[in-house]
PDB file of N, CA and C in Angstrom:
ATOM      1  N   MET A   1     -23.090 -43.384  25.550  1.00  0.00           N
ATOM      2  CA  MET A   1     -22.741 -42.219  24.760  1.00  0.00           C
ATOM      3  C   MET A   1     -21.117 -43.548  24.493  1.00  0.00           C
ATOM      4  N   PRO A   2     -21.070 -43.855  23.130  1.00  0.00           N
ATOM      5  CA  PRO A   2     -20.082 -43.988  22.527  1.00  0.00           C
ATOM      6  C   PRO A   2     -18.344 -43.440  22.198  1.00  0.00           C
ATOM      7  N   ARG A   3     -18.065 -43.150  22.534  1.00  0.00           N
ATOM      8  CA  ARG A   3     -16.298 -42.549  22.448  1.00  0.00           C
ATOM      9  C   ARG A   3     -15.989 -41.859  20.942  1.00  0.00           C
ATOM     10  N   VAL A   4     -15.609 -40.670  21.146  1.00  0.00           N
ATOM     11  CA  VAL A   4     -15.005 -39.936  20.114  1.00  0.00           C
ATOM     12  C   VAL A   4     -14.047 -39.705  20.043  1.00  0.00           C
ATOM     13  N   LYS A   5     -13.482 -40.341  18.726  1.00  0.00           N
ATOM     14  CA  LYS A   5     -12.223 -39.968  18.604  1.00  0.00           C
ATOM     15  C   LYS A   5     -11.364 -38.782  17.420  1.00  0.00           C
ATOM     16  N   ARG A   6     -10.810 -37.566  17.868  1.00  0.00           N
ATOM     17  CA  ARG A   6     -11.076 -36.900  17.185  1.00  0.00           C
ATOM     18  C   ARG A   6      -9.740 -36.957  15.922  1.00  0.00           C
ATOM     19  N   GLY A   7      -9.193 -37.897  15.629  1.00  0.00           N
ATOM     20  CA  GLY A   7      -7.835 -37.836  15.443  1.00  0.00           C
ATOM     21  C   GLY A   7      -7.892 -37.322  13.442  1.00  0.00           C
ATOM     22  N   VAL A   8      -8.933 -37.772  12.973  1.00  0.00           N
ATOM     23  CA  VAL A   8      -9.315 -37.446  11.640  1.00  0.00           C
ATOM     24  C   VAL A   8      -9.547 -36.090  11.267  1.00  0.00           C
ATOM     25  N   MET A   9     -10.116 -34.803  12.245  1.00  0.00           N
ATOM     26  CA  MET A   9     -10.594 -33.540  12.651  1.00  0.00           C
ATOM     27  C   MET A   9      -8.952 -32.428  12.360  1.00  0.00           C
ATOM     28  N   VAL A  10      -8.160 -33.596  13.726  1.00  0.00           N
ATOM     29  CA  VAL A  10      -6.782 -32.167  13.795  1.00  0.00           C
ATOM     30  C   VAL A  10      -6.157 -32.457  12.890  1.00  0.00           C
ATOM     31  N   LYS A  11      -6.203 -34.149  11.459  1.00  0.00           N
ATOM     32  CA  LYS A  11      -4.619 -33.999  11.106  1.00  0.00           C
ATOM     33  C   LYS A  11      -6.222 -33.072   9.671  1.00  0.00           C
ATOM     34  N   LYS A  12      -6.725 -32.603   9.719  1.00  0.00           N
ATOM     35  CA  LYS A  12      -7.455 -31.810   8.544  1.00  0.00           C
ATOM     36  C   LYS A  12      -7.282 -30.374   8.920  1.00  0.00           C
ATOM     37  N   ALA A  13      -7.340 -30.058  10.580  1.00  0.00           N
ATOM     38  CA  ALA A  13      -6.521 -29.060  10.820  1.00  0.00           C
ATOM     39  C   ALA A  13      -5.526 -28.547   9.868  1.00  0.00           C
ATOM     40  N   HIS A  14      -4.803 -29.455  10.787  1.00  0.00           N
ATOM     41  CA  HIS A  14      -2.942 -29.187  10.555  1.00  0.00           C
ATOM     42  C   HIS A  14      -2.966 -29.301   9.893  1.00  0.00           C
ATOM     43  N   LYS A  15      -3.368 -30.225   8.404  1.00  0.00           N
ATOM     44  CA  LYS A  15      -3.034 -29.568   7.483  1.00  0.00           C
ATOM     45  C   LYS A  15      -3.655 -28.403   6.203  1.00  0.00           C
ATOM     46  N   ASN A  16      -4.637 -28.151   7.421  1.00  0.00           N
ATOM     47  CA  ASN A  16      -4.789 -26.897   6.420  1.00  0.00           C
ATOM     48  C   ASN A  16      -3.953 -25.932   6.720  1.00  0.00           C
ATOM     49  N   ILE A  17      -2.989 -25.934   7.674  1.00  0.00           N
ATOM     50  CA  ILE A  17      -2.732 -25.690   8.651  1.00  0.00           C
ATOM     51  C   ILE A  17      -1.015 -24.546   7.734  1.00  0.00           C
ATOM     52  N   LEU A  18      -0.631 -25.930   7.939  1.00  0.00           N
ATOM     53  CA  LEU A  18       0.285 -26.489   6.892  1.00  0.00           C
ATOM     54  C   LEU A  18       0.240 -26.037   5.485  1.00  0.00           C
ATOM     55  N   LYS A  19      -1.159 -25.699   5.092  1.00  0.00           N
ATOM     56  CA  LYS A  19      -1.498 -25.814   3.959  1.00  0.00           C
ATOM     57  C   LYS A  19      -0.982 -24.019   3.556  1.00  0.00           C
ATOM     58  N   LEU A  20      -1.407 -22.905   4.204  1.00  0.00           N
ATOM     59  CA  LEU A  20      -1.104 -22.057   4.474  1.00  0.00           C
ATOM     60  C   LEU A  20       0.327 -21.668   4.042  1.00  0.00           C
ATOM     61  N   THR A  21       1.258 -22.128   5.292  1.00  0.00           N
ATOM     62  CA  THR A  21       2.566 -21.540   5.147  1.00  0.00           C
ATOM     63  C   THR A  21       3.577 -22.452   4.273  1.00  0.00           C
ATOM     64  N   LYS A  22       2.882 -22.689   3.043  1.00  0.00           N
ATOM     65  CA  LYS A  22       4.174 -23.501   1.654  1.00  0.00           C
ATOM     66  C   LYS A  22       4.077 -22.273   0.866  1.00  0.00           C
ATOM     67  N   GLY A  23       6.008 -22.563   1.205  1.00  0.00           N
ATOM     68  CA  GLY A  23       6.799 -21.482   0.490  1.00  0.00           C
ATOM     69  C   GLY A  23       7.911 -21.036   1.948  1.00  0.00           C
ATOM     70  N   TYR A  24       7.165 -21.048   3.447  1.00  0.00           N
ATOM     71  CA  TYR A  24       8.085 -20.655   4.242  1.00  0.00           C
ATOM     72  C   TYR A  24       9.219 -21.150   4.650  1.00  0.00           C
ATOM     73  N   ARG A  25       9.632 -20.771   5.291  1.00  0.00           N
ATOM     74  CA  ARG A  25      11.429 -21.310   5.565  1.00  0.00           C
ATOM     75  C   ARG A  25      11.125 -22.243   6.549  1.00  0.00           C
ATOM     76  N   HIS A  26      12.487 -23.363   6.812  1.00  0.00           N
ATOM     77  CA  HIS A  26      12.746 -23.649   8.330  1.00  0.00           C
ATOM     78  C   HIS A  26      11.552 -24.783   8.744  1.00  0.00           C
ATOM     79  N   GLY A  27      11.606 -24.783   9.946  1.00  0.00           N
ATOM     80  CA  GLY A  27      10.602 -25.038  10.734  1.00  0.00           C
ATOM     81  C   GLY A  27       9.051 -24.537  10.854  1.00  0.00           C
ATOM     82  N   ARG A  28       9.199 -23.664  10.298  1.00  0.00           N
ATOM     83  CA  ARG A  28       7.751 -22.626   9.725  1.00  0.00           C
ATOM     84  C   ARG A  28       6.789 -22.917   9.363  1.00  0.00           C
ATOM     85  N   LYS A  29       7.547 -23.951   8.349  1.00  0.00           N
ATOM     86  CA  LYS A  29       6.361 -25.270   7.441  1.00  0.00           C
ATOM     87  C   LYS A  29       6.357 -25.995   7.327  1.00  0.00           C
ATOM     88  N   ASN A  30       7.134 -26.714   8.720  1.00  0.00           N
ATOM     89  CA  ASN A  30       5.772 -27.400   8.301  1.00  0.00           C
ATOM     90  C   ASN A  30       6.323 -28.410   9.956  1.00  0.00           C
ATOM     91  N   LEU A  31       6.412 -27.461  10.292  1.00  0.00           N
ATOM     92  CA  LEU A  31       6.388 -27.712  12.162  1.00  0.00           C
ATOM     93  C   LEU A  31       4.920 -26.838  12.479  1.00  0.00           C
ATOM     94  N   VAL A  32       3.771 -27.576  13.169  1.00  0.00           N
ATOM     95  CA  VAL A  32       2.740 -27.222  12.761  1.00  0.00           C
ATOM     96  C   VAL A  32       2.353 -26.341  14.629  1.00  0.00           C
ATOM     97  N   ARG A  33       2.769 -25.841  15.287  1.00  0.00           N
ATOM     98  CA  ARG A  33       2.924 -25.052  16.501  1.00  0.00           C
ATOM     99  C   ARG A  33       3.334 -23.527  16.153  1.00  0.00           C
ATOM    100  N   MET A  34       5.032 -24.113  14.952  1.00  0.00           N
ATOM    101  CA  MET A  34       5.770 -22.884  14.147  1.00  0.00           C
ATOM    102  C   MET A  34       5.090 -22.392  13.420  1.00  0.00           C
ATOM    103  N   ALA A  35       4.018 -22.836  12.364  1.00  0.00           N
ATOM    104  CA  ALA A  35       3.519 -22.402  11.369  1.00  0.00           C
ATOM    105  C   ALA A  35       2.775 -21.615  11.745  1.00  0.00           C
ATOM    106  N   ASN A  36       1.333 -21.746  12.748  1.00  0.00           N
ATOM    107  CA  ASN A  36       0.578 -21.900  13.465  1.00  0.00           C
ATOM    108  C   ASN A  36       0.920 -20.120  13.582  1.00  0.00           C
ATOM    109  N   GLN A  37       2.058 -19.758  14.811  1.00  0.00           N
ATOM    110  CA  GLN A  37       2.670 -18.946  14.926  1.00  0.00           C
ATOM    111  C   GLN A  37       2.839 -17.801  13.874  1.00  0.00           C
ATOM    112  N   ALA A  38       3.621 -18.469  12.573  1.00  0.00           N
ATOM    113  CA  ALA A  38       3.665 -17.770  11.523  1.00  0.00           C
ATOM    114  C   ALA A  38       2.436 -17.163  10.534  1.00  0.00           C
ATOM    115  N   ILE A  39       1.500 -17.631  10.361  1.00  0.00           N
ATOM    116  CA  ILE A  39       0.119 -17.290   9.694  1.00  0.00           C
ATOM    117  C   ILE A  39      -0.410 -16.196  11.090  1.00  0.00           C
ATOM    118  N   GLN A  40       0.192 -16.469  11.789  1.00  0.00           N
ATOM    119  CA  GLN A  40      -0.428 -15.077  12.825  1.00  0.00           C
ATOM    120  C   GLN A  40      -0.014 -14.009  12.670  1.00  0.00           C
ATOM    121  N   LYS A  41       1.372 -14.210  12.776  1.00  0.00           N
ATOM    122  CA  LYS A  41       2.160 -12.944  12.165  1.00  0.00           C
ATOM    123  C   LYS A  41       1.868 -12.347  11.535  1.00  0.00           C
ATOM    124  N   ALA A  42       2.032 -13.494  10.040  1.00  0.00           N
ATOM    125  CA  ALA A  42       1.705 -12.764   8.911  1.00  0.00           C
ATOM    126  C   ALA A  42       0.240 -12.362   8.754  1.00  0.00           C
ATOM    127  N   GLY A  43      -0.694 -12.778   9.233  1.00  0.00           N
ATOM    128  CA  GLY A  43      -2.187 -11.883   9.288  1.00  0.00           C
ATOM    129  C   GLY A  43      -2.155 -10.118  10.164  1.00  0.00           C
ATOM    130  N   GLN A  44      -1.323 -10.323  11.247  1.00  0.00           N
ATOM    131  CA  GLN A  44      -1.677  -9.170  11.892  1.00  0.00           C
ATOM    132  C   GLN A  44      -0.727  -7.992  10.183  1.00  0.00           C
ATOM    133  N   HIS A  45       0.300  -8.378   9.941  1.00  0.00           N
ATOM    134  CA  HIS A  45       1.285  -7.813   9.098  1.00  0.00           C
ATOM    135  C   HIS A  45       0.594  -7.361   7.937  1.00  0.00           C
ATOM    136  N   ALA A  46      -0.031  -8.023   7.702  1.00  0.00           N
ATOM    137  CA  ALA A  46      -1.076  -8.184   6.344  1.00  0.00           C
ATOM    138  C   ALA A  46      -1.805  -6.878   6.654  1.00  0.00           C
ATOM    139  N   TYR A  47      -2.651  -6.879   7.691  1.00  0.00           N
ATOM    140  CA  TYR A  47      -3.397  -6.321   8.010  1.00  0.00           C
ATOM    141  C   TYR A  47      -2.966  -4.549   8.357  1.00  0.00           C
ATOM    142  N   ARG A  48      -1.753  -4.777   8.681  1.00  0.00           N
ATOM    143  CA  ARG A  48      -1.056  -3.801   9.137  1.00  0.00           C
ATOM    144  C   ARG A  48      -0.822  -2.386   7.813  1.00  0.00           C
ATOM    145  N   ASP A  49      -0.085  -3.408   7.511  1.00  0.00           N
ATOM    146  CA  ASP A  49       0.148  -3.183   5.746  1.00  0.00           C
ATOM    147  C   ASP A  49      -0.766  -2.344   5.147  1.00  0.00           C
ATOM    148  N   ARG A  50      -1.847  -3.403   4.714  1.00  0.00           N
ATOM    149  CA  ARG A  50      -2.862  -2.260   4.663  1.00  0.00           C
ATOM    150  C   ARG A  50      -3.204  -1.307   4.316  1.00  0.00           C
ATOM    151  N   ARG A  51      -3.011  -0.856   5.684  1.00  0.00           N
ATOM    152  CA  ARG A  51      -3.192   0.193   5.883  1.00  0.00           C
ATOM    153  C   ARG A  51      -2.179   1.502   5.634  1.00  0.00           C
ATOM    154  N   ILE A  52      -0.586   0.676   5.564  1.00  0.00           N
ATOM    155  CA  ILE A  52       0.362   1.410   5.740  1.00  0.00           C
ATOM    156  C   ILE A  52       0.548   1.600   3.840  1.00  0.00           C
ATOM    157  N   LYS A  53      -0.369   0.831   3.153  1.00  0.00           N
ATOM    158  CA  LYS A  53      -0.095   1.115   1.657  1.00  0.00           C
ATOM    159  C   LYS A  53      -0.704   1.711   0.956  1.00  0.00           C
ATOM    160  N   LYS A  54      -1.481   2.306   1.638  1.00  0.00           N
ATOM    161  CA  LYS A  54      -2.047   3.558   1.411  1.00  0.00           C
ATOM    162  C   LYS A  54      -1.398   4.802   1.846  1.00  0.00           C
ATOM    163  N   ARG A  55      -0.504   5.295   3.127  1.00  0.00           N
ATOM    164  CA  ARG A  55       0.421   6.400   2.990  1.00  0.00           C
ATOM    165  C   ARG A  55       1.577   6.273   2.468  1.00  0.00           C
ATOM    166  N   THR A  56       1.926   4.807   1.452  1.00  0.00           N
ATOM    167  CA  THR A  56       3.091   5.273   1.385  1.00  0.00           C
ATOM    168  C   THR A  56       2.751   5.651  -0.108  1.00  0.00           C
ATOM    169  N   PHE A  57       1.845   5.506  -0.607  1.00  0.00           N
ATOM    170  CA  PHE A  57       1.592   6.076  -2.363  1.00  0.00           C
ATOM    171  C   PHE A  57       1.759   7.391  -2.356  1.00  0.00           C
ATOM    172  N   ARG A  58       0.335   7.509  -1.448  1.00  0.00           N
ATOM    173  CA  ARG A  58       0.449   8.875  -0.965  1.00  0.00           C
ATOM    174  C   ARG A  58       1.559   9.907  -0.999  1.00  0.00           C
ATOM    175  N   ARG A  59       2.735   9.217  -0.611  1.00  0.00           N
ATOM    176  CA  ARG A  59       4.313   9.972   0.160  1.00  0.00           C
ATOM    177  C   ARG A  59       4.955   9.949  -1.686  1.00  0.00           C
ATOM    178  N   SER A  60       4.207   8.774  -2.125  1.00  0.00           N
ATOM    179  CA  SER A  60       5.344   8.816  -3.551  1.00  0.00           C
ATOM    180  C   SER A  60       4.860   9.887  -4.852  1.00  0.00           C
ATOM    181  N   TRP A  61       2.838   9.878  -4.174  1.00  0.00           N
ATOM    182  CA  TRP A  61       2.413  10.519  -5.428  1.00  0.00           C
ATOM    183  C   TRP A  61       3.349  12.296  -5.100  1.00  0.00           C
ATOM    184  N   ILE A  62       3.075  12.646  -3.746  1.00  0.00           N
ATOM    185  CA  ILE A  62       3.453  13.792  -3.387  1.00  0.00           C
ATOM    186  C   ILE A  62       5.206  14.460  -3.961  1.00  0.00           C
ATOM    187  N   THR A  63       6.103  13.167  -3.636  1.00  0.00           N
ATOM    188  CA  THR A  63       7.358  13.113  -4.298  1.00  0.00           C
ATOM    189  C   THR A  63       7.221  13.855  -5.603  1.00  0.00           C
ATOM    190  N   GLN A  64       7.204  12.574  -6.911  1.00  0.00           N
ATOM    191  CA  GLN A  64       6.590  13.147  -8.404  1.00  0.00           C
ATOM    192  C   GLN A  64       6.258  14.245  -8.459  1.00  0.00           C
ATOM    193  N   ILE A  65       5.507  14.909  -8.021  1.00  0.00           N
ATOM    194  CA  ILE A  65       4.288  16.216  -7.772  1.00  0.00           C
ATOM    195  C   ILE A  65       5.786  17.475  -7.067  1.00  0.00           C
ATOM    196  N   ASN A  66       6.085  16.937  -6.655  1.00  0.00           N
ATOM    197  CA  ASN A  66       7.103  18.097  -6.132  1.00  0.00           C
ATOM    198  C   ASN A  66       8.427  17.867  -7.245  1.00  0.00           C
ATOM    199  N   ALA A  67       8.992  17.350  -7.502  1.00  0.00           N
ATOM    200  CA  ALA A  67       9.441  16.869  -8.299  1.00  0.00           C
ATOM    201  C   ALA A  67       8.900  17.412  -9.797  1.00  0.00           C
ATOM    202  N   ALA A  68       8.222  17.514 -10.369  1.00  0.00           N
ATOM    203  CA  ALA A  68       7.749  18.469 -11.604  1.00  0.00           C
ATOM    204  C   ALA A  68       7.636  19.694 -11.613  1.00  0.00           C
ATOM    205  N   CYS A  69       7.150  20.439 -10.289  1.00  0.00           N
ATOM    206  CA  CYS A  69       7.139  21.763  -9.613  1.00  0.00           C
ATOM    207  C   CYS A  69       8.433  21.847  -9.856  1.00  0.00           C
ATOM    208  N   ARG A  70       9.163  21.837  -9.307  1.00  0.00           N
ATOM    209  CA  ARG A  70      10.317  22.345  -8.778  1.00  0.00           C
ATOM    210  C   ARG A  70      11.193  22.435 -10.204  1.00  0.00           C
ATOM    211  N   ILE A  71      11.124  21.684 -11.686  1.00  0.00           N
ATOM    212  CA  ILE A  71      11.060  21.462 -12.730  1.00  0.00           C
ATOM    213  C   ILE A  71      10.262  23.096 -13.132  1.00  0.00           C
ATOM    214  N   ASN A  72       9.876  23.167 -12.497  1.00  0.00           N
ATOM    215  CA  ASN A  72       8.845  24.659 -13.387  1.00  0.00           C
ATOM    216  C   ASN A  72       8.813  25.629 -12.798  1.00  0.00           C
ATOM    217  N   GLY A  73       9.457  25.632 -11.399  1.00  0.00           N
ATOM    218  CA  GLY A  73       9.908  26.340 -10.371  1.00  0.00           C
ATOM    219  C   GLY A  73       9.106  26.773  -9.436  1.00  0.00           C
ATOM    220  N   VAL A  74       8.849  26.657  -8.896  1.00  0.00           N
ATOM    221  CA  VAL A  74       7.634  26.511  -7.973  1.00  0.00           C
ATOM    222  C   VAL A  74       7.875  25.432  -6.735  1.00  0.00           C
ATOM    223  N   SER A  75       8.093  25.154  -5.338  1.00  0.00           N
ATOM    224  CA  SER A  75       8.063  24.909  -4.378  1.00  0.00           C
ATOM    225  C   SER A  75       6.170  23.757  -5.129  1.00  0.00           C
ATOM    226  N   TYR A  76       6.566  22.813  -3.849  1.00  0.00           N
ATOM    227  CA  TYR A  76       5.016  21.343  -3.871  1.00  0.00           C
ATOM    228  C   TYR A  76       3.998  22.523  -3.129  1.00  0.00           C
ATOM    229  N   SER A  77       4.550  23.452  -1.632  1.00  0.00           N
ATOM    230  CA  SER A  77       3.331  24.375  -1.180  1.00  0.00           C
ATOM    231  C   SER A  77       2.984  24.899  -1.707  1.00  0.00           C
ATOM    232  N   VAL A  78       3.093  25.935  -2.629  1.00  0.00           N
ATOM    233  CA  VAL A  78       2.764  26.941  -2.685  1.00  0.00           C
ATOM    234  C   VAL A  78       1.837  26.827  -4.027  1.00  0.00           C
ATOM    235  N   PHE A  79       2.564  25.956  -5.032  1.00  0.00           N
ATOM    236  CA  PHE A  79       1.719  24.780  -6.289  1.00  0.00           C
ATOM    237  C   PHE A  79      -0.045  25.017  -6.016  1.00  0.00           C
ATOM    238  N   MET A  80       0.050  23.538  -4.057  1.00  0.00           N
ATOM    239  CA  MET A  80      -0.954  23.487  -3.872  1.00  0.00           C
ATOM    240  C   MET A  80      -1.534  24.259  -3.368  1.00  0.00           C
ATOM    241  N   GLN A  81      -1.095  25.814  -3.065  1.00  0.00           N
ATOM    242  CA  GLN A  81      -2.028  26.733  -1.790  1.00  0.00           C
ATOM    243  C   GLN A  81      -2.221  27.400  -3.876  1.00  0.00           C
ATOM    244  N   GLY A  82      -1.869  26.885  -4.630  1.00  0.00           N
ATOM    245  CA  GLY A  82      -2.162  28.232  -5.609  1.00  0.00           C
ATOM    246  C   GLY A  82      -2.914  26.945  -6.545  1.00  0.00           C
ATOM    247  N   LEU A  83      -3.156  26.247  -6.272  1.00  0.00           N
ATOM    248  CA  LEU A  83      -4.513  24.841  -7.057  1.00  0.00           C
ATOM    249  C   LEU A  83      -5.581  25.260  -6.218  1.00  0.00           C
ATOM    250  N   LYS A  84      -5.700  25.391  -5.072  1.00  0.00           N
ATOM    251  CA  LYS A  84      -6.512  25.109  -4.050  1.00  0.00           C
ATOM    252  C   LYS A  84      -7.668  26.788  -3.663  1.00  0.00           C
ATOM    253  N   LYS A  85      -6.946  27.939  -4.063  1.00  0.00           N
ATOM    254  CA  LYS A  85      -7.028  29.331  -4.673  1.00  0.00           C
ATOM    255  C   LYS A  85      -7.857  29.226  -5.843  1.00  0.00           C
ATOM    256  N   ALA A  86      -7.310  28.252  -6.740  1.00  0.00           N
ATOM    257  CA  ALA A  86      -7.674  28.727  -8.333  1.00  0.00           C
ATOM    258  C   ALA A  86      -9.196  27.519  -8.519  1.00  0.00           C
ATOM    259  N   GLY A  87      -9.349  27.198  -7.188  1.00  0.00           N
ATOM    260  CA  GLY A  87     -10.675  26.331  -7.346  1.00  0.00           C
ATOM    261  C   GLY A  87     -10.318  25.060  -8.675  1.00  0.00           C
ATOM    262  N   ILE A  88      -9.107  24.362  -8.164  1.00  0.00           N
ATOM    263  CA  ILE A  88      -8.873  23.083  -9.325  1.00  0.00           C
ATOM    264  C   ILE A  88      -9.156  22.702  -8.281  1.00  0.00           C
ATOM    265  N   GLU A  89      -9.836  21.353  -8.202  1.00  0.00           N
ATOM    266  CA  GLU A  89      -9.565  20.250  -7.564  1.00  0.00           C
ATOM    267  C   GLU A  89      -9.518  18.628  -8.162  1.00  0.00           C
ATOM    268  N   LEU A  90      -8.153  18.679  -8.171  1.00  0.00           N
ATOM    269  CA  LEU A  90      -7.670  17.675  -8.206  1.00  0.00           C
ATOM    270  C   LEU A  90      -6.727  16.653  -7.391  1.00  0.00           C
ATOM    271  N   ASP A  91      -6.836  15.323  -7.197  1.00  0.00           N
ATOM    272  CA  ASP A  91      -6.421  14.258  -6.252  1.00  0.00           C
ATOM    273  C   ASP A  91      -5.026  14.357  -6.557  1.00  0.00           C
ATOM    274  N   ARG A  92      -4.190  13.969  -5.768  1.00  0.00           N
ATOM    275  CA  ARG A  92      -2.848  13.762  -5.931  1.00  0.00           C
ATOM    276  C   ARG A  92      -2.505  12.722  -7.214  1.00  0.00           C
ATOM    277  N   LYS A  93      -2.786  11.531  -6.480  1.00  0.00           N
ATOM    278  CA  LYS A  93      -3.120  10.866  -7.841  1.00  0.00           C
ATOM    279  C   LYS A  93      -2.642  10.579  -9.066  1.00  0.00           C
ATOM    280  N   VAL A  94      -3.791  11.961  -9.743  1.00  0.00           N
ATOM    281  CA  VAL A  94      -4.274  12.494 -10.672  1.00  0.00           C
ATOM    282  C   VAL A  94      -3.054  13.502 -11.164  1.00  0.00           C
ATOM    283  N   LEU A  95      -2.694  13.975 -10.205  1.00  0.00           N
ATOM    284  CA  LEU A  95      -1.695  14.806 -11.114  1.00  0.00           C
ATOM    285  C   LEU A  95       0.217  14.834 -10.860  1.00  0.00           C
ATOM    286  N   SER A  96      -0.021  13.501 -10.111  1.00  0.00           N
ATOM    287  CA  SER A  96       1.756  12.775 -10.281  1.00  0.00           C
ATOM    288  C   SER A  96       1.507  12.098 -11.933  1.00  0.00           C
ATOM    289  N   LEU A  97       0.154  11.608 -11.972  1.00  0.00           N
ATOM    290  CA  LEU A  97       0.244  10.907 -13.162  1.00  0.00           C
ATOM    291  C   LEU A  97      -0.087  11.543 -14.584  1.00  0.00           C
ATOM    292  N   ILE A  98      -0.546  13.313 -14.016  1.00  0.00           N
ATOM    293  CA  ILE A  98      -0.426  14.738 -15.555  1.00  0.00           C
ATOM    294  C   ILE A  98       1.112  14.914 -15.597  1.00  0.00           C
ATOM    295  N   ALA A  99       1.950  15.063 -13.980  1.00  0.00           N
ATOM    296  CA  ALA A  99       2.824  15.278 -14.447  1.00  0.00           C
ATOM    297  C   ALA A  99       4.348  14.445 -14.926  1.00  0.00           C
ATOM    298  N   LYS A 100       3.383  13.024 -14.920  1.00  0.00           N
ATOM    299  CA  LYS A 100       4.202  11.651 -15.023  1.00  0.00           C
ATOM    300  C   LYS A 100       4.175  11.432 -16.606  1.00  0.00           C
ATOM    301  N   GLU A 101       3.213  11.506 -17.022  1.00  0.00           N
ATOM    302  CA  GLU A 101       2.415  11.733 -18.866  1.00  0.00           C
ATOM    303  C   GLU A 101       2.548  12.732 -19.425  1.00  0.00           C
ATOM    304  N   ASN A 102       2.085  14.028 -18.985  1.00  0.00           N
ATOM    305  CA  ASN A 102       1.638  14.797 -19.594  1.00  0.00           C
ATOM    306  C   ASN A 102       2.607  16.596 -18.946  1.00  0.00           C
ATOM    307  N   PRO A 103       3.797  16.285 -19.497  1.00  0.00           N
ATOM    308  CA  PRO A 103       4.585  17.570 -18.558  1.00  0.00           C
ATOM    309  C   PRO A 103       4.123  18.652 -18.967  1.00  0.00           C
ATOM    310  N   THR A 104       3.944  18.975 -20.476  1.00  0.00           N
ATOM    311  CA  THR A 104       3.043  20.075 -21.143  1.00  0.00           C
ATOM    312  C   THR A 104       1.780  20.644 -20.234  1.00  0.00           C
ATOM    313  N   GLU A 105       0.718  19.830 -19.953  1.00  0.00           N
ATOM    314  CA  GLU A 105      -0.393  20.055 -18.821  1.00  0.00           C
ATOM    315  C   GLU A 105       0.080  20.491 -17.765  1.00  0.00           C
ATOM    316  N   PHE A 106       0.855  19.828 -17.279  1.00  0.00           N
ATOM    317  CA  PHE A 106       0.910  20.137 -15.960  1.00  0.00           C
ATOM    318  C   PHE A 106       1.927  21.745 -15.912  1.00  0.00           C
ATOM    319  N   ALA A 107       2.621  21.785 -16.527  1.00  0.00           N
ATOM    320  CA  ALA A 107       3.368  23.210 -16.812  1.00  0.00           C
ATOM    321  C   ALA A 107       2.110  24.309 -16.383  1.00  0.00           C
ATOM    322  N   GLU A 108       0.738  24.005 -17.940  1.00  0.00           N
ATOM    323  CA  GLU A 108      -0.288  24.732 -17.318  1.00  0.00           C
ATOM    324  C   GLU A 108      -0.432  24.791 -16.246  1.00  0.00           C
ATOM    325  N   LEU A 109      -0.907  23.883 -16.187  1.00  0.00           N
ATOM    326  CA  LEU A 109      -1.268  23.970 -14.277  1.00  0.00           C
ATOM    327  C   LEU A 109      -0.436  24.699 -12.690  1.00  0.00           C
ATOM    328  N   VAL A 110       0.707  24.410 -13.288  1.00  0.00           N
ATOM    329  CA  VAL A 110       1.344  25.407 -12.430  1.00  0.00           C
ATOM    330  C   VAL A 110       1.916  26.679 -12.605  1.00  0.00           C
ATOM    331  N   ALA A 111       1.484  27.529 -14.566  1.00  0.00           N
ATOM    332  CA  ALA A 111       1.374  28.202 -14.434  1.00  0.00           C
ATOM    333  C   ALA A 111      -0.319  29.094 -13.885  1.00  0.00           C
ATOM    334  N   LYS A 112      -1.370  27.894 -13.998  1.00  0.00           N
ATOM    335  CA  LYS A 112      -2.426  29.017 -13.444  1.00  0.00           C
ATOM    336  C   LYS A 112      -2.785  28.773 -11.917  1.00  0.00           C
ATOM    337  N   ALA A 113      -2.086  28.160 -11.264  1.00  0.00           N
ATOM    338  CA  ALA A 113      -1.599  28.231  -9.649  1.00  0.00           C
ATOM    339  C   ALA A 113      -1.065  28.588  -9.222  1.00  0.00           C
ATOM    340  N   THR A 114       0.374  29.303 -10.421  1.00  0.00           N
ATOM    341  CA  THR A 114       0.742  30.825  -9.834  1.00  0.00           C
ATOM    342  C   THR A 114       0.780  31.882  -9.864  1.00  0.00           C
ATOM    343  N   LYS A 115      -0.988  32.468 -10.594  1.00  0.00           N
ATOM    344  CA  LYS A 115      -1.373  33.533 -10.853  1.00  0.00           C
ATOM    345  C   LYS A 115      -1.776  34.231  -9.522  1.00  0.00           C
TER     346      LYS A 115
END
């Protein structure tokens, strides 16, 4: 069997790893082992944060709705309970958009929820 030298493929693999770490600082951008570790860690953070992002957005929507409710003289929990009893099914994203862009419409929703 002929001898196989793998230098070309190793070089290609290293080049691909270093391409992914462009913009990183210090040895993490140009030392293959450190670059590989950096890619692994970055992937873990990206996977985790794709899930955390959903929680963060929901938290910000709730904060915005609460602020708009307080302006209209009602607490967030009372408002949400009132919406549920009134049969108004709007998600928090839409409610926060209404609260930001159309405060008069939001005031009408608060009035319906507090009846």
